[in-house]
Amino acid sequence: MADSRRKHSAEFKREAVRLSREPGRTIGAVAASLGINRGLLQRWRKELESHGAEAFPGNGRLKSSDEEVAQLRKELARAQQERDILKKALAFFAKERS
């Protein structure tokens, strides 16, 4: 039987990273005391360093930069559809005139 994955809140992750950065504490010791894998704690540290306040958005939520990219992709797809429709209409009316 497969083990289910544990979910940790953003607050838990931030606190774990804070603890791992305290002087005299190692990543391995903090991870062991919290019952998590050392590599997981290292990943959380990297994510917090690179994304700052936007780190750990939660299940199914996108970071604001990712949301903007998704919105721009939707707009681009719509503009491309409109362009294709206009091309087809132009070709249709050009044939009709001939």
C-alpha atoms as a PDB file:
ATOM      1  CA  MET A   1       0.000   0.000   0.000  1.00  0.00           C
ATOM      2  CA  ALA A   2       1.444   3.370  -0.986  1.00  0.00           C
ATOM      3  CA  ASP A   3       2.009   6.052   1.611  1.00  0.00           C
ATOM      4  CA  SER A   4       0.050   9.237   1.143  1.00  0.00           C
ATOM      5  CA  ARG A   5       2.004  12.437   0.700  1.00  0.00           C
ATOM      6  CA  ARG A   6       2.004  14.873   3.554  1.00  0.00           C
ATOM      7  CA  LYS A   7       1.070  18.462   2.852  1.00  0.00           C
ATOM      8  CA  HIS A   8       2.776  21.247   4.719  1.00  0.00           C
ATOM      9  CA  SER A   9       1.419  24.749   5.078  1.00  0.00           C
ATOM     10  CA  ALA A  10       3.333  27.786   3.882  1.00  0.00           C
ATOM     11  CA  GLU A  11       3.772  28.861   7.499  1.00  0.00           C
ATOM     12  CA  PHE A  12       5.324  25.498   8.390  1.00  0.00           C
ATOM     13  CA  LYS A  13       7.726  25.760   5.454  1.00  0.00           C
ATOM     14  CA  ARG A  14       8.740  29.326   6.317  1.00  0.00           C
ATOM     15  CA  GLU A  15       9.313  28.390   9.953  1.00  0.00           C
ATOM     16  CA  ALA A  16      11.371  25.338   8.959  1.00  0.00           C
ATOM     17  CA  VAL A  17      13.548  27.509   6.718  1.00  0.00           C
ATOM     18  CA  ARG A  18      13.941  30.071   9.505  1.00  0.00           C
ATOM     19  CA  LEU A  19      15.004  27.363  11.939  1.00  0.00           C
ATOM     20  CA  SER A  20      17.507  25.949   9.462  1.00  0.00           C
ATOM     21  CA  ARG A  21      19.155  29.350   9.152  1.00  0.00           C
ATOM     22  CA  GLU A  22      19.667  29.852  12.881  1.00  0.00           C
ATOM     23  CA  PRO A  23      23.316  29.839  13.942  1.00  0.00           C
ATOM     24  CA  GLY A  24      24.492  26.507  15.335  1.00  0.00           C
ATOM     25  CA  ARG A  25      21.735  24.504  13.645  1.00  0.00           C
ATOM     26  CA  THR A  26      22.289  22.279  10.648  1.00  0.00           C
ATOM     27  CA  ILE A  27      19.825  21.520   7.888  1.00  0.00           C
ATOM     28  CA  GLY A  28      19.994  17.819   8.713  1.00  0.00           C
ATOM     29  CA  ALA A  29      19.252  18.353  12.401  1.00  0.00           C
ATOM     30  CA  VAL A  30      16.305  20.660  11.716  1.00  0.00           C
ATOM     31  CA  ALA A  31      14.902  18.286   9.102  1.00  0.00           C
ATOM     32  CA  ALA A  32      15.197  15.324  11.462  1.00  0.00           C
ATOM     33  CA  SER A  33      13.513  17.209  14.309  1.00  0.00           C
ATOM     34  CA  LEU A  34      10.614  18.170  12.024  1.00  0.00           C
ATOM     35  CA  GLY A  35      10.330  14.697  10.507  1.00  0.00           C
ATOM     36  CA  ILE A  36      11.032  15.779   6.946  1.00  0.00           C
ATOM     37  CA  ASN A  37      13.681  14.890   4.414  1.00  0.00           C
ATOM     38  CA  ARG A  38      16.847  17.005   4.313  1.00  0.00           C
ATOM     39  CA  GLY A  39      16.509  17.468   0.541  1.00  0.00           C
ATOM     40  CA  LEU A  40      12.972  18.779   0.963  1.00  0.00           C
ATOM     41  CA  LEU A  41      14.151  21.403   3.430  1.00  0.00           C
ATOM     42  CA  GLN A  42      16.931  22.416   1.048  1.00  0.00           C
ATOM     43  CA  ARG A  43      14.368  22.789  -1.752  1.00  0.00           C
ATOM     44  CA  TRP A  44      12.204  25.000   0.461  1.00  0.00           C
ATOM     45  CA  ARG A  45      15.227  27.171   1.260  1.00  0.00           C
ATOM     46  CA  LYS A  46      16.020  27.628  -2.443  1.00  0.00           C
ATOM     47  CA  GLU A  47      12.409  28.414  -3.286  1.00  0.00           C
ATOM     48  CA  LEU A  48      12.171  31.009  -0.537  1.00  0.00           C
ATOM     49  CA  GLU A  49      15.446  32.607  -1.652  1.00  0.00           C
ATOM     50  CA  SER A  50      14.417  32.798  -5.299  1.00  0.00           C
ATOM     51  CA  HIS A  51      10.734  33.754  -4.924  1.00  0.00           C
ATOM     52  CA  GLY A  52      10.631  35.610  -1.621  1.00  0.00           C
ATOM     53  CA  ALA A  53       7.104  36.553  -0.586  1.00  0.00           C
ATOM     54  CA  GLU A  54       5.594  34.619  -3.516  1.00  0.00           C
ATOM     55  CA  ALA A  55       7.111  31.315  -2.391  1.00  0.00           C
ATOM     56  CA  PHE A  56       4.762  28.473  -1.446  1.00  0.00           C
ATOM     57  CA  PRO A  57       1.544  29.728  -3.098  1.00  0.00           C
ATOM     58  CA  GLY A  58      -0.397  26.543  -2.246  1.00  0.00           C
ATOM     59  CA  ASN A  59      -2.192  23.796  -4.128  1.00  0.00           C
ATOM     60  CA  GLY A  60      -3.336  24.785  -7.572  1.00  0.00           C
ATOM     61  CA  ARG A  61      -2.427  28.436  -7.139  1.00  0.00           C
ATOM     62  CA  LEU A  62      -0.023  30.158  -9.460  1.00  0.00           C
ATOM     63  CA  LYS A  63       2.531  32.775  -8.577  1.00  0.00           C
ATOM     64  CA  SER A  64       1.508  36.207  -9.838  1.00  0.00           C
ATOM     65  CA  SER A  65       4.122  36.088 -12.607  1.00  0.00           C
ATOM     66  CA  ASP A  66       2.801  32.691 -13.747  1.00  0.00           C
ATOM     67  CA  GLU A  67      -0.761  34.024 -13.698  1.00  0.00           C
ATOM     68  CA  GLU A  68       0.268  36.910 -15.930  1.00  0.00           C
ATOM     69  CA  VAL A  69       1.962  34.540 -18.384  1.00  0.00           C
ATOM     70  CA  ALA A  70      -1.150  32.343 -18.510  1.00  0.00           C
ATOM     71  CA  GLN A  71      -3.366  35.375 -19.149  1.00  0.00           C
ATOM     72  CA  LEU A  72      -1.080  36.635 -21.914  1.00  0.00           C
ATOM     73  CA  ARG A  73      -1.077  33.212 -23.561  1.00  0.00           C
ATOM     74  CA  LYS A  74      -4.887  33.194 -23.583  1.00  0.00           C
ATOM     75  CA  GLU A  75      -4.952  36.660 -25.144  1.00  0.00           C
ATOM     76  CA  LEU A  76      -2.415  35.595 -27.763  1.00  0.00           C
ATOM     77  CA  ALA A  77      -4.442  32.503 -28.657  1.00  0.00           C
ATOM     78  CA  ARG A  78      -7.571  34.622 -29.070  1.00  0.00           C
ATOM     79  CA  ALA A  79      -5.755  37.164 -31.250  1.00  0.00           C
ATOM     80  CA  GLN A  80      -4.402  34.344 -33.418  1.00  0.00           C
ATOM     81  CA  GLN A  81      -7.902  32.895 -33.835  1.00  0.00           C
ATOM     82  CA  GLU A  82      -9.251  36.298 -34.854  1.00  0.00           C
ATOM     83  CA  ARG A  83      -6.398  36.722 -37.339  1.00  0.00           C
ATOM     84  CA  ASP A  84      -7.089  33.292 -38.857  1.00  0.00           C
ATOM     85  CA  ILE A  85     -10.797  34.067 -39.196  1.00  0.00           C
ATOM     86  CA  LEU A  86     -10.020  37.350 -40.950  1.00  0.00           C
ATOM     87  CA  LYS A  87      -7.609  35.593 -43.335  1.00  0.00           C
ATOM     88  CA  LYS A  88     -10.290  33.052 -44.259  1.00  0.00           C
ATOM     89  CA  ALA A  89     -12.879  35.794 -44.755  1.00  0.00           C
ATOM     90  CA  LEU A  90     -10.495  37.737 -46.973  1.00  0.00           C
ATOM     91  CA  ALA A  91      -9.825  34.657 -49.091  1.00  0.00           C
ATOM     92  CA  PHE A  92     -13.572  33.945 -49.349  1.00  0.00           C
ATOM     93  CA  PHE A  93     -14.460  37.452 -50.474  1.00  0.00           C
ATOM     94  CA  ALA A  94     -11.527  37.570 -52.893  1.00  0.00           C
ATOM     95  CA  LYS A  95     -12.816  34.390 -54.572  1.00  0.00           C
ATOM     96  CA  GLU A  96     -16.343  35.779 -54.725  1.00  0.00           C
ATOM     97  CA  ARG A  97     -15.202  38.905 -56.577  1.00  0.00           C
ATOM     98  CA  SER A  98     -13.352  36.928 -59.235  1.00  0.00           C
END
